[in-house]
Amino acid sequence: MLNMGINELSNYIVIDSEIRFGKPCIKGTRITVGDILQWLSEGIPVSEILDDYPLLKEIHIKAALSFAARREEIVKVIAAA
């Protein structure tokens, strides 16, 4: 489930220049992929994030992680070119 395809990711992640300066966000929220990554990197448990942000579901956390992993792969390809 963590390795979502682009089409599936678009169900959960949107990039809109009018929302949070075009940062990738969870659809229907202003919560960015970066916000989620930051919380996880600080050791905040997924259950606590979900309690603090009731609009988020576990699938949103997984989508954010998958999006970040895909973005990392893109950076590797560009750097190697």
PDB file of N, CA and C in Angstrom:
ATOM      1  N   MET A   1       0.829  -1.206   0.000  1.00  0.00           N
ATOM      2  CA  MET A   1       0.000   0.000   0.000  1.00  0.00           C
ATOM      3  C   MET A   1       0.863   1.255   0.000  1.00  0.00           C
ATOM      4  N   LEU A   2       2.067   1.174   0.531  1.00  0.00           N
ATOM      5  CA  LEU A   2       2.901   2.364   0.621  1.00  0.00           C
ATOM      6  C   LEU A   2       3.397   2.817  -0.741  1.00  0.00           C
ATOM      7  N   ASN A   3       3.440   1.930  -1.708  1.00  0.00           N
ATOM      8  CA  ASN A   3       3.939   2.258  -3.031  1.00  0.00           C
ATOM      9  C   ASN A   3       2.767   2.571  -3.963  1.00  0.00           C
ATOM     10  N   MET A   4       2.130   3.727  -3.762  1.00  0.00           N
ATOM     11  CA  MET A   4       0.982   4.118  -4.567  1.00  0.00           C
ATOM     12  C   MET A   4       1.442   4.637  -5.915  1.00  0.00           C
ATOM     13  N   GLY A   5       0.616   4.402  -6.933  1.00  0.00           N
ATOM     14  CA  GLY A   5       0.882   4.949  -8.244  1.00  0.00           C
ATOM     15  C   GLY A   5       0.468   6.412  -8.310  1.00  0.00           C
ATOM     16  N   ILE A   6       0.895   7.083  -9.359  1.00  0.00           N
ATOM     17  CA  ILE A   6       0.586   8.500  -9.535  1.00  0.00           C
ATOM     18  C   ILE A   6      -0.925   8.742  -9.512  1.00  0.00           C
ATOM     19  N   ASN A   7      -1.678   7.918 -10.214  1.00  0.00           N
ATOM     20  CA  ASN A   7      -3.130   8.112 -10.255  1.00  0.00           C
ATOM     21  C   ASN A   7      -3.751   7.970  -8.879  1.00  0.00           C
ATOM     22  N   GLU A   8      -3.298   6.992  -8.129  1.00  0.00           N
ATOM     23  CA  GLU A   8      -3.838   6.804  -6.784  1.00  0.00           C
ATOM     24  C   GLU A   8      -3.434   7.956  -5.869  1.00  0.00           C
ATOM     25  N   LEU A   9      -2.202   8.426  -5.996  1.00  0.00           N
ATOM     26  CA  LEU A   9      -1.754   9.555  -5.178  1.00  0.00           C
ATOM     27  C   LEU A   9      -2.601  10.794  -5.427  1.00  0.00           C
ATOM     28  N   SER A  10      -3.027  10.989  -6.668  1.00  0.00           N
ATOM     29  CA  SER A  10      -3.824  12.179  -6.987  1.00  0.00           C
ATOM     30  C   SER A  10      -5.192  12.154  -6.305  1.00  0.00           C
ATOM     31  N   ASN A  11      -5.589  11.003  -5.791  1.00  0.00           N
ATOM     32  CA  ASN A  11      -6.820  10.942  -4.997  1.00  0.00           C
ATOM     33  C   ASN A  11      -6.638  11.572  -3.618  1.00  0.00           C
ATOM     34  N   TYR A  12      -5.387  11.686  -3.178  1.00  0.00           N
ATOM     35  CA  TYR A  12      -5.114  12.143  -1.812  1.00  0.00           C
ATOM     36  C   TYR A  12      -4.251  13.397  -1.728  1.00  0.00           C
ATOM     37  N   ILE A  13      -3.414  13.633  -2.720  1.00  0.00           N
ATOM     38  CA  ILE A  13      -2.469  14.750  -2.699  1.00  0.00           C
ATOM     39  C   ILE A  13      -2.795  15.701  -3.845  1.00  0.00           C
ATOM     40  N   VAL A  14      -2.815  17.007  -3.555  1.00  0.00           N
ATOM     41  CA  VAL A  14      -3.041  17.995  -4.612  1.00  0.00           C
ATOM     42  C   VAL A  14      -1.994  19.088  -4.497  1.00  0.00           C
ATOM     43  N   ILE A  15      -1.658  19.654  -5.636  1.00  0.00           N
ATOM     44  CA  ILE A  15      -0.757  20.800  -5.680  1.00  0.00           C
ATOM     45  C   ILE A  15      -1.525  21.931  -6.353  1.00  0.00           C
ATOM     46  N   ASP A  16      -1.783  22.980  -5.582  1.00  0.00           N
ATOM     47  CA  ASP A  16      -2.560  24.122  -6.056  1.00  0.00           C
ATOM     48  C   ASP A  16      -1.825  25.384  -5.627  1.00  0.00           C
ATOM     49  N   SER A  17      -1.468  26.217  -6.590  1.00  0.00           N
ATOM     50  CA  SER A  17      -0.689  27.421  -6.279  1.00  0.00           C
ATOM     51  C   SER A  17      -1.422  28.353  -5.317  1.00  0.00           C
ATOM     52  N   GLU A  18      -2.730  28.198  -5.181  1.00  0.00           N
ATOM     53  CA  GLU A  18      -3.520  29.037  -4.277  1.00  0.00           C
ATOM     54  C   GLU A  18      -3.546  28.503  -2.837  1.00  0.00           C
ATOM     55  N   ILE A  19      -3.027  27.316  -2.626  1.00  0.00           N
ATOM     56  CA  ILE A  19      -3.046  26.700  -1.289  1.00  0.00           C
ATOM     57  C   ILE A  19      -1.614  26.445  -0.843  1.00  0.00           C
ATOM     58  N   ARG A  20      -1.242  27.053   0.284  1.00  0.00           N
ATOM     59  CA  ARG A  20       0.085  26.872   0.894  1.00  0.00           C
ATOM     60  C   ARG A  20       1.213  27.040  -0.123  1.00  0.00           C
ATOM     61  N   PHE A  21       1.077  28.065  -0.973  1.00  0.00           N
ATOM     62  CA  PHE A  21       2.117  28.433  -1.942  1.00  0.00           C
ATOM     63  C   PHE A  21       2.475  27.296  -2.896  1.00  0.00           C
ATOM     64  N   GLY A  22       1.507  26.436  -3.192  1.00  0.00           N
ATOM     65  CA  GLY A  22       1.734  25.366  -4.151  1.00  0.00           C
ATOM     66  C   GLY A  22       2.438  24.142  -3.601  1.00  0.00           C
ATOM     67  N   LYS A  23       2.572  24.073  -2.290  1.00  0.00           N
ATOM     68  CA  LYS A  23       3.163  22.863  -1.696  1.00  0.00           C
ATOM     69  C   LYS A  23       2.156  21.722  -1.812  1.00  0.00           C
ATOM     70  N   PRO A  24       2.632  20.494  -1.966  1.00  0.00           N
ATOM     71  CA  PRO A  24       1.698  19.373  -2.031  1.00  0.00           C
ATOM     72  C   PRO A  24       0.951  19.212  -0.708  1.00  0.00           C
ATOM     73  N   CYS A  25      -0.386  19.177  -0.797  1.00  0.00           N
ATOM     74  CA  CYS A  25      -1.248  19.100   0.383  1.00  0.00           C
ATOM     75  C   CYS A  25      -2.172  17.902   0.297  1.00  0.00           C
ATOM     76  N   ILE A  26      -2.648  17.496   1.450  1.00  0.00           N
ATOM     77  CA  ILE A  26      -3.683  16.478   1.505  1.00  0.00           C
ATOM     78  C   ILE A  26      -4.956  17.117   0.957  1.00  0.00           C
ATOM     79  N   LYS A  27      -5.569  16.448   0.016  1.00  0.00           N
ATOM     80  CA  LYS A  27      -6.764  16.973  -0.655  1.00  0.00           C
ATOM     81  C   LYS A  27      -7.829  17.357   0.369  1.00  0.00           C
ATOM     82  N   GLY A  28      -8.386  18.558   0.193  1.00  0.00           N
ATOM     83  CA  GLY A  28      -9.438  19.041   1.076  1.00  0.00           C
ATOM     84  C   GLY A  28      -8.946  19.657   2.365  1.00  0.00           C
ATOM     85  N   THR A  29      -7.612  19.776   2.517  1.00  0.00           N
ATOM     86  CA  THR A  29      -7.036  20.377   3.721  1.00  0.00           C
ATOM     87  C   THR A  29      -5.933  21.348   3.314  1.00  0.00           C
ATOM     88  N   ARG A  30      -5.360  22.007   4.303  1.00  0.00           N
ATOM     89  CA  ARG A  30      -4.176  22.834   4.089  1.00  0.00           C
ATOM     90  C   ARG A  30      -2.947  22.159   4.714  1.00  0.00           C
ATOM     91  N   ILE A  31      -3.068  20.889   5.027  1.00  0.00           N
ATOM     92  CA  ILE A  31      -1.986  20.119   5.633  1.00  0.00           C
ATOM     93  C   ILE A  31      -1.073  19.635   4.518  1.00  0.00           C
ATOM     94  N   THR A  32       0.209  20.012   4.595  1.00  0.00           N
ATOM     95  CA  THR A  32       1.143  19.639   3.540  1.00  0.00           C
ATOM     96  C   THR A  32       1.795  18.288   3.817  1.00  0.00           C
ATOM     97  N   VAL A  33       2.315  17.721   2.742  1.00  0.00           N
ATOM     98  CA  VAL A  33       3.121  16.504   2.873  1.00  0.00           C
ATOM     99  C   VAL A  33       4.278  16.787   3.821  1.00  0.00           C
ATOM    100  N   GLY A  34       4.870  17.963   3.693  1.00  0.00           N
ATOM    101  CA  GLY A  34       5.980  18.358   4.573  1.00  0.00           C
ATOM    102  C   GLY A  34       5.579  18.411   6.037  1.00  0.00           C
ATOM    103  N   ASP A  35       4.372  18.884   6.318  1.00  0.00           N
ATOM    104  CA  ASP A  35       3.875  18.907   7.709  1.00  0.00           C
ATOM    105  C   ASP A  35       3.882  17.494   8.275  1.00  0.00           C
ATOM    106  N   ILE A  36       3.328  16.574   7.508  1.00  0.00           N
ATOM    107  CA  ILE A  36       3.225  15.180   7.969  1.00  0.00           C
ATOM    108  C   ILE A  36       4.611  14.580   8.169  1.00  0.00           C
ATOM    109  N   LEU A  37       5.512  14.814   7.221  1.00  0.00           N
ATOM    110  CA  LEU A  37       6.875  14.297   7.360  1.00  0.00           C
ATOM    111  C   LEU A  37       7.564  14.878   8.586  1.00  0.00           C
ATOM    112  N   GLN A  38       7.357  16.165   8.827  1.00  0.00           N
ATOM    113  CA  GLN A  38       7.962  16.811   9.996  1.00  0.00           C
ATOM    114  C   GLN A  38       7.448  16.192  11.286  1.00  0.00           C
ATOM    115  N   TRP A  39       6.137  16.009  11.381  1.00  0.00           N
ATOM    116  CA  TRP A  39       5.563  15.413  12.595  1.00  0.00           C
ATOM    117  C   TRP A  39       6.113  14.019  12.833  1.00  0.00           C
ATOM    118  N   LEU A  40       6.173  13.232  11.781  1.00  0.00           N
ATOM    119  CA  LEU A  40       6.693  11.868  11.919  1.00  0.00           C
ATOM    120  C   LEU A  40       8.169  11.890  12.311  1.00  0.00           C
ATOM    121  N   SER A  41       8.935  12.818  11.732  1.00  0.00           N
ATOM    122  CA  SER A  41      10.366  12.890  12.052  1.00  0.00           C
ATOM    123  C   SER A  41      10.606  13.334  13.494  1.00  0.00           C
ATOM    124  N   GLU A  42       9.645  14.042  14.060  1.00  0.00           N
ATOM    125  CA  GLU A  42       9.742  14.460  15.462  1.00  0.00           C
ATOM    126  C   GLU A  42       9.307  13.347  16.411  1.00  0.00           C
ATOM    127  N   GLY A  43       8.902  12.216  15.837  1.00  0.00           N
ATOM    128  CA  GLY A  43       8.513  11.080  16.666  1.00  0.00           C
ATOM    129  C   GLY A  43       7.067  11.086  17.110  1.00  0.00           C
ATOM    130  N   ILE A  44       6.266  11.965  16.512  1.00  0.00           N
ATOM    131  CA  ILE A  44       4.853  11.999  16.874  1.00  0.00           C
ATOM    132  C   ILE A  44       4.178  10.754  16.278  1.00  0.00           C
ATOM    133  N   PRO A  45       3.532   9.961  17.108  1.00  0.00           N
ATOM    134  CA  PRO A  45       2.892   8.737  16.603  1.00  0.00           C
ATOM    135  C   PRO A  45       1.750   9.066  15.638  1.00  0.00           C
ATOM    136  N   VAL A  46       1.549   8.191  14.669  1.00  0.00           N
ATOM    137  CA  VAL A  46       0.465   8.370  13.696  1.00  0.00           C
ATOM    138  C   VAL A  46      -0.862   8.548  14.424  1.00  0.00           C
ATOM    139  N   SER A  47      -1.086   7.770  15.465  1.00  0.00           N
ATOM    140  CA  SER A  47      -2.360   7.859  16.195  1.00  0.00           C
ATOM    141  C   SER A  47      -2.572   9.259  16.775  1.00  0.00           C
ATOM    142  N   GLU A  48      -1.509   9.885  17.239  1.00  0.00           N
ATOM    143  CA  GLU A  48      -1.622  11.241  17.795  1.00  0.00           C
ATOM    144  C   GLU A  48      -1.907  12.260  16.692  1.00  0.00           C
ATOM    145  N   ILE A  49      -1.245  12.103  15.543  1.00  0.00           N
ATOM    146  CA  ILE A  49      -1.497  12.999  14.411  1.00  0.00           C
ATOM    147  C   ILE A  49      -2.963  12.897  14.000  1.00  0.00           C
ATOM    148  N   LEU A  50      -3.470  11.676  13.913  1.00  0.00           N
ATOM    149  CA  LEU A  50      -4.860  11.471  13.516  1.00  0.00           C
ATOM    150  C   LEU A  50      -5.830  12.036  14.551  1.00  0.00           C
ATOM    151  N   ASP A  51      -5.472  11.957  15.828  1.00  0.00           N
ATOM    152  CA  ASP A  51      -6.315  12.540  16.876  1.00  0.00           C
ATOM    153  C   ASP A  51      -6.307  14.066  16.799  1.00  0.00           C
ATOM    154  N   ASP A  52      -5.132  14.644  16.527  1.00  0.00           N
ATOM    155  CA  ASP A  52      -4.999  16.103  16.477  1.00  0.00           C
ATOM    156  C   ASP A  52      -5.616  16.718  15.223  1.00  0.00           C
ATOM    157  N   TYR A  53      -5.676  15.950  14.155  1.00  0.00           N
ATOM    158  CA  TYR A  53      -6.191  16.442  12.871  1.00  0.00           C
ATOM    159  C   TYR A  53      -7.261  15.474  12.358  1.00  0.00           C
ATOM    160  N   PRO A  54      -8.494  15.648  12.817  1.00  0.00           N
ATOM    161  CA  PRO A  54      -9.559  14.690  12.511  1.00  0.00           C
ATOM    162  C   PRO A  54      -9.871  14.532  11.014  1.00  0.00           C
ATOM    163  N   LEU A  55      -9.482  15.512  10.195  1.00  0.00           N
ATOM    164  CA  LEU A  55      -9.697  15.371   8.748  1.00  0.00           C
ATOM    165  C   LEU A  55      -8.762  14.339   8.129  1.00  0.00           C
ATOM    166  N   LEU A  56      -7.649  14.070   8.804  1.00  0.00           N
ATOM    167  CA  LEU A  56      -6.686  13.103   8.287  1.00  0.00           C
ATOM    168  C   LEU A  56      -7.104  11.673   8.617  1.00  0.00           C
ATOM    169  N   LYS A  57      -6.808  10.799   7.682  1.00  0.00           N
ATOM    170  CA  LYS A  57      -6.995   9.361   7.868  1.00  0.00           C
ATOM    171  C   LYS A  57      -5.638   8.692   7.653  1.00  0.00           C
ATOM    172  N   GLU A  58      -5.516   7.459   8.066  1.00  0.00           N
ATOM    173  CA  GLU A  58      -4.242   6.749   7.921  1.00  0.00           C
ATOM    174  C   GLU A  58      -3.801   6.687   6.450  1.00  0.00           C
ATOM    175  N   ILE A  59      -4.737   6.593   5.539  1.00  0.00           N
ATOM    176  CA  ILE A  59      -4.395   6.542   4.114  1.00  0.00           C
ATOM    177  C   ILE A  59      -3.707   7.842   3.673  1.00  0.00           C
ATOM    178  N   HIS A  60      -4.047   8.961   4.305  1.00  0.00           N
ATOM    179  CA  HIS A  60      -3.396  10.235   3.981  1.00  0.00           C
ATOM    180  C   HIS A  60      -1.930  10.220   4.408  1.00  0.00           C
ATOM    181  N   ILE A  61      -1.651   9.637   5.560  1.00  0.00           N
ATOM    182  CA  ILE A  61      -0.268   9.518   6.031  1.00  0.00           C
ATOM    183  C   ILE A  61       0.520   8.643   5.057  1.00  0.00           C
ATOM    184  N   LYS A  62      -0.070   7.524   4.659  1.00  0.00           N
ATOM    185  CA  LYS A  62       0.593   6.628   3.712  1.00  0.00           C
ATOM    186  C   LYS A  62       0.807   7.312   2.363  1.00  0.00           C
ATOM    187  N   ALA A  63      -0.170   8.082   1.926  1.00  0.00           N
ATOM    188  CA  ALA A  63      -0.039   8.799   0.654  1.00  0.00           C
ATOM    189  C   ALA A  63       1.090   9.827   0.737  1.00  0.00           C
ATOM    190  N   ALA A  64       1.192  10.527   1.855  1.00  0.00           N
ATOM    191  CA  ALA A  64       2.260  11.516   2.026  1.00  0.00           C
ATOM    192  C   ALA A  64       3.627  10.837   1.974  1.00  0.00           C
ATOM    193  N   LEU A  65       3.765   9.703   2.628  1.00  0.00           N
ATOM    194  CA  LEU A  65       5.031   8.971   2.609  1.00  0.00           C
ATOM    195  C   LEU A  65       5.354   8.467   1.199  1.00  0.00           C
ATOM    196  N   SER A  66       4.357   7.962   0.511  1.00  0.00           N
ATOM    197  CA  SER A  66       4.557   7.474  -0.846  1.00  0.00           C
ATOM    198  C   SER A  66       4.931   8.621  -1.782  1.00  0.00           C
ATOM    199  N   PHE A  67       4.265   9.755  -1.632  1.00  0.00           N
ATOM    200  CA  PHE A  67       4.564  10.935  -2.448  1.00  0.00           C
ATOM    201  C   PHE A  67       6.015  11.368  -2.229  1.00  0.00           C
ATOM    202  N   ALA A  68       6.420  11.432  -0.965  1.00  0.00           N
ATOM    203  CA  ALA A  68       7.795  11.843  -0.644  1.00  0.00           C
ATOM    204  C   ALA A  68       8.812  10.857  -1.209  1.00  0.00           C
ATOM    205  N   ALA A  69       8.516   9.576  -1.137  1.00  0.00           N
ATOM    206  CA  ALA A  69       9.425   8.565  -1.676  1.00  0.00           C
ATOM    207  C   ALA A  69       9.544   8.704  -3.188  1.00  0.00           C
ATOM    208  N   ARG A  70       8.435   8.940  -3.871  1.00  0.00           N
ATOM    209  CA  ARG A  70       8.466   9.121  -5.325  1.00  0.00           C
ATOM    210  C   ARG A  70       9.251  10.379  -5.690  1.00  0.00           C
ATOM    211  N   ARG A  71       9.048  11.444  -4.936  1.00  0.00           N
ATOM    212  CA  ARG A  71       9.759  12.688  -5.201  1.00  0.00           C
ATOM    213  C   ARG A  71      11.262  12.483  -5.032  1.00  0.00           C
ATOM    214  N   GLU A  72      11.646  11.713  -4.041  1.00  0.00           N
ATOM    215  CA  GLU A  72      13.068  11.409  -3.813  1.00  0.00           C
ATOM    216  C   GLU A  72      13.650  10.676  -5.013  1.00  0.00           C
ATOM    217  N   GLU A  73      12.905   9.742  -5.573  1.00  0.00           N
ATOM    218  CA  GLU A  73      13.369   9.005  -6.749  1.00  0.00           C
ATOM    219  C   GLU A  73      13.554   9.933  -7.941  1.00  0.00           C
ATOM    220  N   ILE A  74      12.645  10.888  -8.096  1.00  0.00           N
ATOM    221  CA  ILE A  74      12.750  11.857  -9.198  1.00  0.00           C
ATOM    222  C   ILE A  74      14.014  12.686  -9.043  1.00  0.00           C
ATOM    223  N   VAL A  75      14.322  13.117  -7.835  1.00  0.00           N
ATOM    224  CA  VAL A  75      15.520  13.911  -7.580  1.00  0.00           C
ATOM    225  C   VAL A  75      16.764  13.107  -7.941  1.00  0.00           C
ATOM    226  N   LYS A  76      16.790  11.826  -7.613  1.00  0.00           N
ATOM    227  CA  LYS A  76      17.946  10.972  -7.943  1.00  0.00           C
ATOM    228  C   LYS A  76      18.139  10.892  -9.448  1.00  0.00           C
ATOM    229  N   VAL A  77      17.049  10.772 -10.198  1.00  0.00           N
ATOM    230  CA  VAL A  77      17.142  10.662 -11.656  1.00  0.00           C
ATOM    231  C   VAL A  77      17.671  11.961 -12.243  1.00  0.00           C
ATOM    232  N   ILE A  78      17.163  13.084 -11.781  1.00  0.00           N
ATOM    233  CA  ILE A  78      17.606  14.391 -12.297  1.00  0.00           C
ATOM    234  C   ILE A  78      19.067  14.623 -11.954  1.00  0.00           C
ATOM    235  N   ALA A  79      19.477  14.284 -10.737  1.00  0.00           N
ATOM    236  CA  ALA A  79      20.868  14.487 -10.313  1.00  0.00           C
ATOM    237  C   ALA A  79      21.818  13.618 -11.124  1.00  0.00           C
ATOM    238  N   ALA A  80      21.377  12.454 -11.558  1.00  0.00           N
ATOM    239  CA  ALA A  80      22.240  11.541 -12.301  1.00  0.00           C
ATOM    240  C   ALA A  80      22.380  11.962 -13.756  1.00  0.00           C
ATOM    241  N   ALA A  81      21.474  12.791 -14.228  1.00  0.00           N
ATOM    242  CA  ALA A  81      21.497  13.190 -15.646  1.00  0.00           C
ATOM    243  C   ALA A  81      22.613  14.161 -15.962  1.00  0.00           C
TER     244      ALA A  81
END
